[in-house]
Amino acid sequence: MPIRPIDLQTMLVQLSQVGREQAAEKEGAALTAAMKGAADQKRLEETKESVHRPEDEETAAKAVGEGGGQGAGGKQARGGSEESPADGTPPTSEVVKDPDLGRRVDLSG
């Protein structure tokens, strides 16, 4: 099928449109890759800043309220004695409470 002069005239008019479409396709692929990279970077930043549960339950810190409240300074915080418990563990350190602690805020800078 030979190319007729009217076909050439039609193609020359649409040549600039074809060039723009091909450039848009190339830019679209690059833009998609850039957007995916930005989303991956954002997800990585969020995982860095988030708090994760420990994988090993034995090394994990106990939640507040677990173990009957005997976590960090259980008896001393309540005014208990300095004696060691019956199970033979050493006594915990003395906890000093300040009634004014956390009640005043310095706003002067």
PDB file of N, CA and C in Angstrom:
ATOM      1  N   MET A   1       0.850  -1.161   0.000  1.00  0.00           N
ATOM      2  CA  MET A   1       0.000   0.000   0.000  1.00  0.00           C
ATOM      3  C   MET A   1       0.907   1.239   0.000  1.00  0.00           C
ATOM      4  N   PRO A   2       0.887   1.974  -1.028  1.00  0.00           N
ATOM      5  CA  PRO A   2       1.747   3.144  -1.153  1.00  0.00           C
ATOM      6  C   PRO A   2       1.217   4.308  -0.313  1.00  0.00           C
ATOM      7  N   ILE A   3       2.125   5.226   0.079  1.00  0.00           N
ATOM      8  CA  ILE A   3       1.752   6.412   0.842  1.00  0.00           C
ATOM      9  C   ILE A   3       1.355   7.507  -0.137  1.00  0.00           C
ATOM     10  N   ARG A   4       0.173   8.029   0.059  1.00  0.00           N
ATOM     11  CA  ARG A   4      -0.327   9.094  -0.813  1.00  0.00           C
ATOM     12  C   ARG A   4       0.016  10.450  -0.228  1.00  0.00           C
ATOM     13  N   PRO A   5       0.031  11.482  -1.029  1.00  0.00           N
ATOM     14  CA  PRO A   5       0.374  12.830  -0.540  1.00  0.00           C
ATOM     15  C   PRO A   5      -0.559  13.322   0.568  1.00  0.00           C
ATOM     16  N   ILE A   6      -1.809  12.950   0.525  1.00  0.00           N
ATOM     17  CA  ILE A   6      -2.736  13.403   1.579  1.00  0.00           C
ATOM     18  C   ILE A   6      -2.388  12.761   2.910  1.00  0.00           C
ATOM     19  N   ASP A   7      -1.883  11.531   2.871  1.00  0.00           N
ATOM     20  CA  ASP A   7      -1.459  10.860   4.096  1.00  0.00           C
ATOM     21  C   ASP A   7      -0.245  11.562   4.703  1.00  0.00           C
ATOM     22  N   LEU A   8       0.694  11.972   3.874  1.00  0.00           N
ATOM     23  CA  LEU A   8       1.872  12.682   4.364  1.00  0.00           C
ATOM     24  C   LEU A   8       1.480  14.013   5.005  1.00  0.00           C
ATOM     25  N   GLN A   9       0.530  14.697   4.365  1.00  0.00           N
ATOM     26  CA  GLN A   9       0.095  15.986   4.895  1.00  0.00           C
ATOM     27  C   GLN A   9      -0.549  15.792   6.267  1.00  0.00           C
ATOM     28  N   THR A  10      -1.317  14.770   6.466  1.00  0.00           N
ATOM     29  CA  THR A  10      -1.973  14.483   7.737  1.00  0.00           C
ATOM     30  C   THR A  10      -0.948  14.093   8.799  1.00  0.00           C
ATOM     31  N   MET A  11       0.039  13.292   8.405  1.00  0.00           N
ATOM     32  CA  MET A  11       1.048  12.845   9.370  1.00  0.00           C
ATOM     33  C   MET A  11       1.939  13.995   9.839  1.00  0.00           C
ATOM     34  N   LEU A  12       2.295  14.896   8.965  1.00  0.00           N
ATOM     35  CA  LEU A  12       3.160  16.007   9.336  1.00  0.00           C
ATOM     36  C   LEU A  12       2.481  16.930  10.348  1.00  0.00           C
ATOM     37  N   VAL A  13       1.187  17.086  10.247  1.00  0.00           N
ATOM     38  CA  VAL A  13       0.450  17.935  11.186  1.00  0.00           C
ATOM     39  C   VAL A  13       0.427  17.289  12.572  1.00  0.00           C
ATOM     40  N   GLN A  14       0.327  15.964  12.626  1.00  0.00           N
ATOM     41  CA  GLN A  14       0.223  15.252  13.902  1.00  0.00           C
ATOM     42  C   GLN A  14       1.577  14.872  14.486  1.00  0.00           C
ATOM     43  N   LEU A  15       2.662  15.192  13.818  1.00  0.00           N
ATOM     44  CA  LEU A  15       3.997  14.799  14.264  1.00  0.00           C
ATOM     45  C   LEU A  15       4.347  15.410  15.621  1.00  0.00           C
ATOM     46  N   SER A  16       4.017  16.667  15.842  1.00  0.00           N
ATOM     47  CA  SER A  16       4.323  17.300  17.125  1.00  0.00           C
ATOM     48  C   SER A  16       3.513  16.675  18.255  1.00  0.00           C
ATOM     49  N   GLN A  17       2.278  16.311  17.987  1.00  0.00           N
ATOM     50  CA  GLN A  17       1.436  15.666  19.001  1.00  0.00           C
ATOM     51  C   GLN A  17       2.001  14.304  19.375  1.00  0.00           C
ATOM     52  N   VAL A  18       2.487  13.559  18.400  1.00  0.00           N
ATOM     53  CA  VAL A  18       3.069  12.236  18.659  1.00  0.00           C
ATOM     54  C   VAL A  18       4.317  12.392  19.532  1.00  0.00           C
ATOM     55  N   GLY A  19       5.138  13.394  19.249  1.00  0.00           N
ATOM     56  CA  GLY A  19       6.336  13.651  20.048  1.00  0.00           C
ATOM     57  C   GLY A  19       6.006  13.978  21.495  1.00  0.00           C
ATOM     58  N   ARG A  20       4.968  14.778  21.699  1.00  0.00           N
ATOM     59  CA  ARG A  20       4.546  15.126  23.062  1.00  0.00           C
ATOM     60  C   ARG A  20       4.027  13.895  23.811  1.00  0.00           C
ATOM     61  N   GLU A  21       3.275  13.051  23.119  1.00  0.00           N
ATOM     62  CA  GLU A  21       2.740  11.850  23.758  1.00  0.00           C
ATOM     63  C   GLU A  21       3.855  10.900  24.171  1.00  0.00           C
ATOM     64  N   GLN A  22       4.866  10.736  23.326  1.00  0.00           N
ATOM     65  CA  GLN A  22       5.969   9.840  23.661  1.00  0.00           C
ATOM     66  C   GLN A  22       6.794  10.396  24.825  1.00  0.00           C
ATOM     67  N   ALA A  23       6.997  11.704  24.842  1.00  0.00           N
ATOM     68  CA  ALA A  23       7.723  12.320  25.959  1.00  0.00           C
ATOM     69  C   ALA A  23       6.947  12.154  27.265  1.00  0.00           C
ATOM     70  N   ALA A  24       5.625  12.291  27.195  1.00  0.00           N
ATOM     71  CA  ALA A  24       4.791  12.122  28.385  1.00  0.00           C
ATOM     72  C   ALA A  24       4.858  10.692  28.899  1.00  0.00           C
ATOM     73  N   GLU A  25       4.915   9.720  28.009  1.00  0.00           N
ATOM     74  CA  GLU A  25       5.027   8.321  28.422  1.00  0.00           C
ATOM     75  C   GLU A  25       6.352   8.066  29.143  1.00  0.00           C
ATOM     76  N   LYS A  26       7.447   8.631  28.622  1.00  0.00           N
ATOM     77  CA  LYS A  26       8.753   8.455  29.268  1.00  0.00           C
ATOM     78  C   LYS A  26       8.780   9.142  30.632  1.00  0.00           C
ATOM     79  N   GLU A  27       8.243  10.353  30.690  1.00  0.00           N
ATOM     80  CA  GLU A  27       8.207  11.076  31.957  1.00  0.00           C
ATOM     81  C   GLU A  27       7.285  10.385  32.958  1.00  0.00           C
ATOM     82  N   GLY A  28       6.218   9.782  32.463  1.00  0.00           N
ATOM     83  CA  GLY A  28       5.285   9.076  33.344  1.00  0.00           C
ATOM     84  C   GLY A  28       5.958   7.908  34.039  1.00  0.00           C
ATOM     85  N   ALA A  29       6.794   7.171  33.317  1.00  0.00           N
ATOM     86  CA  ALA A  29       7.494   6.047  33.921  1.00  0.00           C
ATOM     87  C   ALA A  29       8.483   6.543  34.975  1.00  0.00           C
ATOM     88  N   ALA A  30       9.198   7.619  34.664  1.00  0.00           N
ATOM     89  CA  ALA A  30      10.143   8.180  35.628  1.00  0.00           C
ATOM     90  C   ALA A  30       9.414   8.753  36.841  1.00  0.00           C
ATOM     91  N   LEU A  31       8.286   9.398  36.607  1.00  0.00           N
ATOM     92  CA  LEU A  31       7.503   9.961  37.700  1.00  0.00           C
ATOM     93  C   LEU A  31       6.958   8.858  38.604  1.00  0.00           C
ATOM     94  N   THR A  32       6.497   7.782  38.009  1.00  0.00           N
ATOM     95  CA  THR A  32       5.991   6.656  38.801  1.00  0.00           C
ATOM     96  C   THR A  32       7.093   6.070  39.672  1.00  0.00           C
ATOM     97  N   ALA A  33       8.290   5.909  39.100  1.00  0.00           N
ATOM     98  CA  ALA A  33       9.411   5.377  39.871  1.00  0.00           C
ATOM     99  C   ALA A  33       9.796   6.329  41.001  1.00  0.00           C
ATOM    100  N   ALA A  34       9.771   7.635  40.738  1.00  0.00           N
ATOM    101  CA  ALA A  34      10.105   8.614  41.771  1.00  0.00           C
ATOM    102  C   ALA A  34       9.072   8.607  42.895  1.00  0.00           C
ATOM    103  N   MET A  35       7.800   8.485  42.553  1.00  0.00           N
ATOM    104  CA  MET A  35       6.748   8.450  43.567  1.00  0.00           C
ATOM    105  C   MET A  35       6.866   7.187  44.414  1.00  0.00           C
ATOM    106  N   LYS A  36       7.179   6.066  43.784  1.00  0.00           N
ATOM    107  CA  LYS A  36       7.344   4.822  44.529  1.00  0.00           C
ATOM    108  C   LYS A  36       8.546   4.921  45.469  1.00  0.00           C
ATOM    109  N   GLY A  37       9.642   5.526  44.999  1.00  0.00           N
ATOM    110  CA  GLY A  37      10.806   5.723  45.846  1.00  0.00           C
ATOM    111  C   GLY A  37      10.510   6.616  47.037  1.00  0.00           C
ATOM    112  N   ALA A  38       9.736   7.668  46.822  1.00  0.00           N
ATOM    113  CA  ALA A  38       9.366   8.570  47.912  1.00  0.00           C
ATOM    114  C   ALA A  38       8.471   7.861  48.928  1.00  0.00           C
ATOM    115  N   ALA A  39       7.562   7.033  48.454  1.00  0.00           N
ATOM    116  CA  ALA A  39       6.690   6.286  49.368  1.00  0.00           C
ATOM    117  C   ALA A  39       7.503   5.277  50.179  1.00  0.00           C
ATOM    118  N   ASP A  40       8.468   4.617  49.549  1.00  0.00           N
ATOM    119  CA  ASP A  40       9.329   3.676  50.263  1.00  0.00           C
ATOM    120  C   ASP A  40      10.160   4.399  51.320  1.00  0.00           C
ATOM    121  N   GLN A  41      10.675   5.572  50.981  1.00  0.00           N
ATOM    122  CA  GLN A  41      11.468   6.359  51.926  1.00  0.00           C
ATOM    123  C   GLN A  41      10.613   6.788  53.115  1.00  0.00           C
ATOM    124  N   LYS A  42       9.379   7.196  52.850  1.00  0.00           N
ATOM    125  CA  LYS A  42       8.485   7.616  53.933  1.00  0.00           C
ATOM    126  C   LYS A  42       8.169   6.436  54.846  1.00  0.00           C
ATOM    127  N   ARG A  43       7.912   5.278  54.266  1.00  0.00           N
ATOM    128  CA  ARG A  43       7.613   4.083  55.055  1.00  0.00           C
ATOM    129  C   ARG A  43       8.826   3.695  55.906  1.00  0.00           C
ATOM    130  N   LEU A  44      10.030   3.831  55.347  1.00  0.00           N
ATOM    131  CA  LEU A  44      11.250   3.522  56.082  1.00  0.00           C
ATOM    132  C   LEU A  44      11.426   4.466  57.264  1.00  0.00           C
ATOM    133  N   GLU A  45      11.157   5.753  57.062  1.00  0.00           N
ATOM    134  CA  GLU A  45      11.252   6.728  58.149  1.00  0.00           C
ATOM    135  C   GLU A  45      10.245   6.414  59.252  1.00  0.00           C
ATOM    136  N   GLU A  46       9.039   6.014  58.869  1.00  0.00           N
ATOM    137  CA  GLU A  46       8.015   5.698  59.864  1.00  0.00           C
ATOM    138  C   GLU A  46       8.397   4.467  60.668  1.00  0.00           C
ATOM    139  N   THR A  47       8.986   3.471  60.017  1.00  0.00           N
ATOM    140  CA  THR A  47       9.385   2.269  60.754  1.00  0.00           C
ATOM    141  C   THR A  47      10.562   2.548  61.672  1.00  0.00           C
ATOM    142  N   LYS A  48      11.433   3.500  61.300  1.00  0.00           N
ATOM    143  CA  LYS A  48      12.545   3.866  62.173  1.00  0.00           C
ATOM    144  C   LYS A  48      12.044   4.527  63.442  1.00  0.00           C
ATOM    145  N   GLU A  49      11.032   5.374  63.310  1.00  0.00           N
ATOM    146  CA  GLU A  49      10.543   6.149  64.445  1.00  0.00           C
ATOM    147  C   GLU A  49       9.497   5.417  65.280  1.00  0.00           C
ATOM    148  N   SER A  50       8.985   4.307  64.800  1.00  0.00           N
ATOM    149  CA  SER A  50       7.946   3.608  65.544  1.00  0.00           C
ATOM    150  C   SER A  50       8.562   2.706  66.610  1.00  0.00           C
ATOM    151  N   VAL A  51       7.748   2.318  67.567  1.00  0.00           N
ATOM    152  CA  VAL A  51       8.173   1.444  68.647  1.00  0.00           C
ATOM    153  C   VAL A  51       7.752   0.024  68.289  1.00  0.00           C
ATOM    154  N   HIS A  52       8.701  -0.900  68.375  1.00  0.00           N
ATOM    155  CA  HIS A  52       8.422  -2.286  68.020  1.00  0.00           C
ATOM    156  C   HIS A  52       8.410  -3.157  69.270  1.00  0.00           C
ATOM    157  N   ARG A  53       7.614  -4.182  69.239  1.00  0.00           N
ATOM    158  CA  ARG A  53       7.616  -5.155  70.316  1.00  0.00           C
ATOM    159  C   ARG A  53       8.862  -6.021  70.186  1.00  0.00           C
ATOM    160  N   PRO A  54       9.452  -6.412  71.300  1.00  0.00           N
ATOM    161  CA  PRO A  54      10.630  -7.276  71.221  1.00  0.00           C
ATOM    162  C   PRO A  54      10.251  -8.652  70.696  1.00  0.00           C
ATOM    163  N   GLU A  55      11.189  -9.256  69.990  1.00  0.00           N
ATOM    164  CA  GLU A  55      10.923 -10.578  69.424  1.00  0.00           C
ATOM    165  C   GLU A  55      10.979 -11.656  70.489  1.00  0.00           C
ATOM    166  N   ASP A  56      11.801 -11.457  71.498  1.00  0.00           N
ATOM    167  CA  ASP A  56      11.993 -12.450  72.538  1.00  0.00           C
ATOM    168  C   ASP A  56      11.168 -12.052  73.757  1.00  0.00           C
ATOM    169  N   GLU A  57      10.238 -12.883  74.180  1.00  0.00           N
ATOM    170  CA  GLU A  57       9.373 -12.547  75.315  1.00  0.00           C
ATOM    171  C   GLU A  57      10.137 -12.544  76.629  1.00  0.00           C
ATOM    172  N   GLU A  58      11.232 -13.296  76.715  1.00  0.00           N
ATOM    173  CA  GLU A  58      11.987 -13.351  77.961  1.00  0.00           C
ATOM    174  C   GLU A  58      12.742 -12.048  78.207  1.00  0.00           C
ATOM    175  N   THR A  59      13.251 -11.416  77.155  1.00  0.00           N
ATOM    176  CA  THR A  59      14.006 -10.182  77.325  1.00  0.00           C
ATOM    177  C   THR A  59      13.118  -8.953  77.287  1.00  0.00           C
ATOM    178  N   ALA A  60      11.845  -9.135  77.021  1.00  0.00           N
ATOM    179  CA  ALA A  60      10.931  -7.997  76.916  1.00  0.00           C
ATOM    180  C   ALA A  60      10.665  -7.395  78.289  1.00  0.00           C
ATOM    181  N   ALA A  61      10.485  -6.091  78.321  1.00  0.00           N
ATOM    182  CA  ALA A  61      10.116  -5.418  79.559  1.00  0.00           C
ATOM    183  C   ALA A  61       8.654  -5.709  79.851  1.00  0.00           C
ATOM    184  N   LYS A  62       8.344  -5.841  81.119  1.00  0.00           N
ATOM    185  CA  LYS A  62       6.960  -6.131  81.487  1.00  0.00           C
ATOM    186  C   LYS A  62       6.131  -4.864  81.403  1.00  0.00           C
ATOM    187  N   ALA A  63       4.891  -5.006  81.008  1.00  0.00           N
ATOM    188  CA  ALA A  63       3.982  -3.869  80.927  1.00  0.00           C
ATOM    189  C   ALA A  63       3.583  -3.445  82.331  1.00  0.00           C
ATOM    190  N   VAL A  64       3.128  -2.217  82.469  1.00  0.00           N
ATOM    191  CA  VAL A  64       2.691  -1.718  83.765  1.00  0.00           C
ATOM    192  C   VAL A  64       1.490  -2.530  84.209  1.00  0.00           C
ATOM    193  N   GLY A  65       1.526  -2.995  85.422  1.00  0.00           N
ATOM    194  CA  GLY A  65       0.417  -3.774  85.956  1.00  0.00           C
ATOM    195  C   GLY A  65       0.681  -5.266  85.908  1.00  0.00           C
ATOM    196  N   GLU A  66       1.642  -5.726  85.117  1.00  0.00           N
ATOM    197  CA  GLU A  66       1.973  -7.141  85.091  1.00  0.00           C
ATOM    198  C   GLU A  66       2.795  -7.485  86.314  1.00  0.00           C
ATOM    199  N   GLY A  67       2.700  -8.692  86.795  1.00  0.00           N
ATOM    200  CA  GLY A  67       3.521  -9.147  87.903  1.00  0.00           C
ATOM    201  C   GLY A  67       3.115  -8.550  89.234  1.00  0.00           C
ATOM    202  N   GLY A  68       1.903  -8.149  89.390  1.00  0.00           N
ATOM    203  CA  GLY A  68       1.419  -7.645  90.670  1.00  0.00           C
ATOM    204  C   GLY A  68       1.978  -6.283  91.044  1.00  0.00           C
ATOM    205  N   GLY A  69       2.500  -5.527  90.091  1.00  0.00           N
ATOM    206  CA  GLY A  69       3.006  -4.192  90.383  1.00  0.00           C
ATOM    207  C   GLY A  69       4.369  -4.203  91.032  1.00  0.00           C
ATOM    208  N   GLN A  70       5.115  -5.288  90.945  1.00  0.00           N
ATOM    209  CA  GLN A  70       6.420  -5.370  91.561  1.00  0.00           C
ATOM    210  C   GLN A  70       7.530  -4.951  90.615  1.00  0.00           C
ATOM    211  N   GLY A  71       7.199  -4.225  89.546  1.00  0.00           N
ATOM    212  CA  GLY A  71       8.190  -3.759  88.579  1.00  0.00           C
ATOM    213  C   GLY A  71       9.158  -2.793  89.224  1.00  0.00           C
ATOM    214  N   ALA A  72       9.568  -1.776  88.570  1.00  0.00           N
ATOM    215  CA  ALA A  72      10.604  -0.852  89.028  1.00  0.00           C
ATOM    216  C   ALA A  72      10.226  -0.213  90.359  1.00  0.00           C
ATOM    217  N   GLY A  73      10.772  -0.736  91.450  1.00  0.00           N
ATOM    218  CA  GLY A  73      10.562  -0.137  92.772  1.00  0.00           C
ATOM    219  C   GLY A  73       9.178  -0.348  93.320  1.00  0.00           C
ATOM    220  N   GLY A  74       8.629  -1.515  93.228  1.00  0.00           N
ATOM    221  CA  GLY A  74       7.258  -1.782  93.626  1.00  0.00           C
ATOM    222  C   GLY A  74       6.959  -1.468  95.076  1.00  0.00           C
ATOM    223  N   LYS A  75       7.672  -2.105  96.030  1.00  0.00           N
ATOM    224  CA  LYS A  75       7.358  -1.901  97.443  1.00  0.00           C
ATOM    225  C   LYS A  75       7.863  -0.551  97.947  1.00  0.00           C
ATOM    226  N   GLN A  76       9.032  -0.108  97.508  1.00  0.00           N
ATOM    227  CA  GLN A  76       9.570   1.141  98.007  1.00  0.00           C
ATOM    228  C   GLN A  76       8.735   2.324  97.555  1.00  0.00           C
ATOM    229  N   ALA A  77       8.156   2.275  96.379  1.00  0.00           N
ATOM    230  CA  ALA A  77       7.329   3.373  95.909  1.00  0.00           C
ATOM    231  C   ALA A  77       6.076   3.501  96.761  1.00  0.00           C
ATOM    232  N   ARG A  78       5.649   2.391  97.359  1.00  0.00           N
ATOM    233  CA  ARG A  78       4.450   2.410  98.195  1.00  0.00           C
ATOM    234  C   ARG A  78       4.792   2.600  99.674  1.00  0.00           C
ATOM    235  N   GLY A  79       6.072   2.771  99.966  1.00  0.00           N
ATOM    236  CA  GLY A  79       6.450   2.970 101.358  1.00  0.00           C
ATOM    237  C   GLY A  79       6.698   1.665 102.074  1.00  0.00           C
ATOM    238  N   GLY A  80       7.013   0.609 101.360  1.00  0.00           N
ATOM    239  CA  GLY A  80       7.273  -0.694 101.964  1.00  0.00           C
ATOM    240  C   GLY A  80       8.609  -0.710 102.664  1.00  0.00           C
ATOM    241  N   SER A  81       8.906  -1.816 103.310  1.00  0.00           N
ATOM    242  CA  SER A  81      10.150  -1.923 104.075  1.00  0.00           C
ATOM    243  C   SER A  81      11.323  -2.200 103.155  1.00  0.00           C
ATOM    244  N   GLU A  82      12.542  -2.037 103.678  1.00  0.00           N
ATOM    245  CA  GLU A  82      13.772  -2.245 102.928  1.00  0.00           C
ATOM    246  C   GLU A  82      14.217  -3.703 103.010  1.00  0.00           C
ATOM    247  N   GLU A  83      13.465  -4.539 103.666  1.00  0.00           N
ATOM    248  CA  GLU A  83      13.841  -5.943 103.836  1.00  0.00           C
ATOM    249  C   GLU A  83      13.751  -6.673 102.506  1.00  0.00           C
ATOM    250  N   SER A  84      14.572  -7.717 102.392  1.00  0.00           N
ATOM    251  CA  SER A  84      14.506  -8.508 101.170  1.00  0.00           C
ATOM    252  C   SER A  84      13.285  -9.417 101.222  1.00  0.00           C
ATOM    253  N   PRO A  85      12.699  -9.720 100.081  1.00  0.00           N
ATOM    254  CA  PRO A  85      11.533 -10.601 100.051  1.00  0.00           C
ATOM    255  C   PRO A  85      11.894 -12.011 100.494  1.00  0.00           C
ATOM    256  N   ALA A  86      10.893 -12.819 100.702  1.00  0.00           N
ATOM    257  CA  ALA A  86      11.088 -14.174 101.204  1.00  0.00           C
ATOM    258  C   ALA A  86      11.774 -15.082 100.187  1.00  0.00           C
ATOM    259  N   ASP A  87      11.741 -14.747  98.903  1.00  0.00           N
ATOM    260  CA  ASP A  87      12.329 -15.634  97.898  1.00  0.00           C
ATOM    261  C   ASP A  87      13.841 -15.494  97.798  1.00  0.00           C
ATOM    262  N   GLY A  88      14.473 -14.644  98.591  1.00  0.00           N
ATOM    263  CA  GLY A  88      15.923 -14.559  98.652  1.00  0.00           C
ATOM    264  C   GLY A  88      16.541 -13.563  97.689  1.00  0.00           C
ATOM    265  N   THR A  89      15.757 -12.761  96.989  1.00  0.00           N
ATOM    266  CA  THR A  89      16.330 -11.773  96.083  1.00  0.00           C
ATOM    267  C   THR A  89      16.858 -10.599  96.895  1.00  0.00           C
ATOM    268  N   PRO A  90      17.879  -9.902  96.421  1.00  0.00           N
ATOM    269  CA  PRO A  90      18.436  -8.771  97.180  1.00  0.00           C
ATOM    270  C   PRO A  90      17.440  -7.619  97.237  1.00  0.00           C
ATOM    271  N   PRO A  91      17.555  -6.759  98.253  1.00  0.00           N
ATOM    272  CA  PRO A  91      16.619  -5.632  98.369  1.00  0.00           C
ATOM    273  C   PRO A  91      16.836  -4.631  97.233  1.00  0.00           C
ATOM    274  N   THR A  92      15.751  -3.981  96.835  1.00  0.00           N
ATOM    275  CA  THR A  92      15.843  -2.977  95.777  1.00  0.00           C
ATOM    276  C   THR A  92      16.319  -1.664  96.359  1.00  0.00           C
ATOM    277  N   SER A  93      16.766  -0.748  95.531  1.00  0.00           N
ATOM    278  CA  SER A  93      17.275   0.532  96.007  1.00  0.00           C
ATOM    279  C   SER A  93      16.136   1.394  96.550  1.00  0.00           C
ATOM    280  N   GLU A  94      16.508   2.336  97.389  1.00  0.00           N
ATOM    281  CA  GLU A  94      15.523   3.212  98.018  1.00  0.00           C
ATOM    282  C   GLU A  94      15.018   4.235  97.008  1.00  0.00           C
ATOM    283  N   VAL A  95      13.712   4.468  96.990  1.00  0.00           N
ATOM    284  CA  VAL A  95      13.109   5.437  96.094  1.00  0.00           C
ATOM    285  C   VAL A  95      12.740   6.667  96.906  1.00  0.00           C
ATOM    286  N   VAL A  96      13.243   7.819  96.487  1.00  0.00           N
ATOM    287  CA  VAL A  96      12.976   9.068  97.190  1.00  0.00           C
ATOM    288  C   VAL A  96      11.907   9.823  96.407  1.00  0.00           C
ATOM    289  N   LYS A  97      10.878  10.256  97.122  1.00  0.00           N
ATOM    290  CA  LYS A  97       9.800  11.003  96.477  1.00  0.00           C
ATOM    291  C   LYS A  97       9.886  12.466  96.876  1.00  0.00           C
ATOM    292  N   ASP A  98       9.725  13.348  95.903  1.00  0.00           N
ATOM    293  CA  ASP A  98       9.706  14.785  96.143  1.00  0.00           C
ATOM    294  C   ASP A  98       8.285  15.268  95.879  1.00  0.00           C
ATOM    295  N   PRO A  99       7.603  15.842  96.891  1.00  0.00           N
ATOM    296  CA  PRO A  99       6.215  16.265  96.660  1.00  0.00           C
ATOM    297  C   PRO A  99       6.090  17.414  95.664  1.00  0.00           C
ATOM    298  N   ASP A 100       7.160  18.195  95.451  1.00  0.00           N
ATOM    299  CA  ASP A 100       7.101  19.320  94.519  1.00  0.00           C
ATOM    300  C   ASP A 100       7.572  18.934  93.116  1.00  0.00           C
ATOM    301  N   LEU A 101       8.008  17.716  92.931  1.00  0.00           N
ATOM    302  CA  LEU A 101       8.542  17.289  91.649  1.00  0.00           C
ATOM    303  C   LEU A 101       7.438  17.273  90.587  1.00  0.00           C
ATOM    304  N   GLY A 102       7.641  18.010  89.513  1.00  0.00           N
ATOM    305  CA  GLY A 102       6.693  18.029  88.409  1.00  0.00           C
ATOM    306  C   GLY A 102       5.534  18.985  88.591  1.00  0.00           C
ATOM    307  N   ARG A 103       5.539  19.776  89.627  1.00  0.00           N
ATOM    308  CA  ARG A 103       4.418  20.684  89.870  1.00  0.00           C
ATOM    309  C   ARG A 103       4.700  22.099  89.376  1.00  0.00           C
ATOM    310  N   ARG A 104       5.962  22.449  89.187  1.00  0.00           N
ATOM    311  CA  ARG A 104       6.309  23.792  88.750  1.00  0.00           C
ATOM    312  C   ARG A 104       6.965  23.719  87.385  1.00  0.00           C
ATOM    313  N   VAL A 105       6.603  24.664  86.531  1.00  0.00           N
ATOM    314  CA  VAL A 105       7.136  24.716  85.178  1.00  0.00           C
ATOM    315  C   VAL A 105       7.846  26.048  84.989  1.00  0.00           C
ATOM    316  N   ASP A 106       9.095  26.010  84.493  1.00  0.00           N
ATOM    317  CA  ASP A 106       9.868  27.220  84.241  1.00  0.00           C
ATOM    318  C   ASP A 106       9.558  27.702  82.833  1.00  0.00           C
ATOM    319  N   LEU A 107       8.850  28.824  82.717  1.00  0.00           N
ATOM    320  CA  LEU A 107       8.458  29.364  81.419  1.00  0.00           C
ATOM    321  C   LEU A 107       9.397  30.463  80.948  1.00  0.00           C
ATOM    322  N   SER A 108      10.417  30.786  81.730  1.00  0.00           N
ATOM    323  CA  SER A 108      11.304  31.903  81.357  1.00  0.00           C
ATOM    324  C   SER A 108      12.233  31.542  80.212  1.00  0.00           C
ATOM    325  N   GLY A 109      12.448  30.278  79.949  1.00  0.00           N
ATOM    326  CA  GLY A 109      13.243  29.905  78.795  1.00  0.00           C
ATOM    327  C   GLY A 109      14.527  29.386  79.202  1.00  0.00           C
TER     328      GLY A 109
END
